[in-house]
Amino acid sequence: MKATWEKIELNTVSLNVEVGADKVSSALDQAFKKVVAKVNVPGFRKGKVPRAIFEAKFGVESLYQDAIDILLPEAYSEAVKETGIEPVDRPEIDVTQFGKGQEFIFTAKVTVKPEVTLGEYKGVEVSKVSAEVTEEEIAAELERLQQRHAELNVVEEGAAQDGDIAIIDFEGFVDDAPFEGGKAERYSLELGSGSFIPGFEEQVVGMQLGDFKDIEVTFPESYHAENLAGKPAVFKVKLHELKRKSLPALDDEFAKDVSEFDTLEEFKKDLASKLQETKEKEAKQAQETEVISKVAEAATVEVPAAMVETEQNYMLQDFENRLRMQGMTLDLYYQFSGQDEQALRDQMKGDAEKRVLNNLVLEAVAKAESLEVSEEEINEELENLSKAYNRPAEEIRSIFTQNGNMENLTEDLLLRKAIQFLVDNSVAV
């Protein structure tokens, strides 16, 4: 087999492939065995028609498409490997010659991974992020835990306050007409949660038990239901019941209830230590994000639309998997959100473009600095996965190998090394 390529457009090449006549003959034999089992010729049992009689009746050309289908995938894969191009999309195939006793000649128009011209990537200035834990942050974490362990008590009298759980009936009207999804009875709403239309919860605050009230709001311009976006609405609301949180006291008993420690002081020290660890991770991530962003901005690269679309597919699949873990399907999400698949893909496009660009730039950095992933680093990562999933490392290696994901694991480790290189060679200011 002979394969050559030439650049025809930005990120697009023409792959020219010639396959020997001997392989064409072998493919025609395989095609005949496949086709003859399906044809009926008087005087012969199905599958027993001699080749010469078959070709005389149907013509050898009737085998060409099946033979091409047999030859093409392998020939294309070998040509890609031989030329070293990196396709990022399905090729457009044009068969220029195929026949009995002839070579198989075809061209493939292929979108390939783009070239990246790096700008400055060493000595990049990044913001110094403090990982110091303040008393205010510890207090805020304690308050969050208090809120989580608070008791709900029924309010016998008085007005609704911010933070209360209000049990309400409501019905919404736009232009004096009710709209779909705008009505509920005995709905439980936490005031101040921001879960309703802006301005709604604030107007429930101050209502007395048993009160009726018309609440006037305006739907956001970006509201998912187009027929309501930007329109003023009136909600007729009745307050049935109020529940108010009673926070537990911050003392040693509280520490025993929510932790493994006997005293509040011990618990606060542990809390500070964990907050410190979290802030250090967040600071590291912030520096990584900033340095990658700056290096990507300094690079010159034209990202192919095919790579962005592939990334959108991954993101959509990941989103669907996360929905399933929450007991929801993608179709149900579309119904609740008022979106469709195209709207969700459009929403993901910006992040997809950024991810593709960042990965291309990191690959270029790894290549420029001759970064490599050793077998020892792969084994170490498999051991980490083994601990995370409580499965033997060799079993995880076997799963990755069977699924063809070892290369992806290696690429991920290489990108991480490139990120660490950029951080190590940045300047915190």
Foldseek 3Di string as FASTA:
>chain_A
DDWDWDDDDAQKIKIKFKADLVLLVVLLVVLCQVPQQPDDDPPDDRSGDDPVVVCVVPNSVVSFVSSCVVPVVVRVVVNCVVHVFAALDDWDKDWDDHDRPGITIIMTIGRTDGDKFWFDQFAAEDAQADLADDPVNLVVVVVVVQQVPWDKDWDPWDWADQQKWWQKWKFKDFPNHTDPPRTDHRDTDHQPPPPDAPQPSVVSTGDIAQDWDKGKDAADLVALPNVRRGTIMIMTMTTHTIIHTDTDDQWQVSCVVPHVDRTSVVVSVVVSVVSSVVSVVVSLVSRLVVSLVVRLVRMDIDGDPSQLVVLLVVVVVVVQVVQVVVVHGPVVVCVVRVHDPVVVSVVCSVVSVVVSSSLSSLVVLCVVVVPFDDPVNLLVVLVVVCVVVVHDSVVVVVVCVVVVNSVVVRSVVSSVVSSVVSSVRYHHD
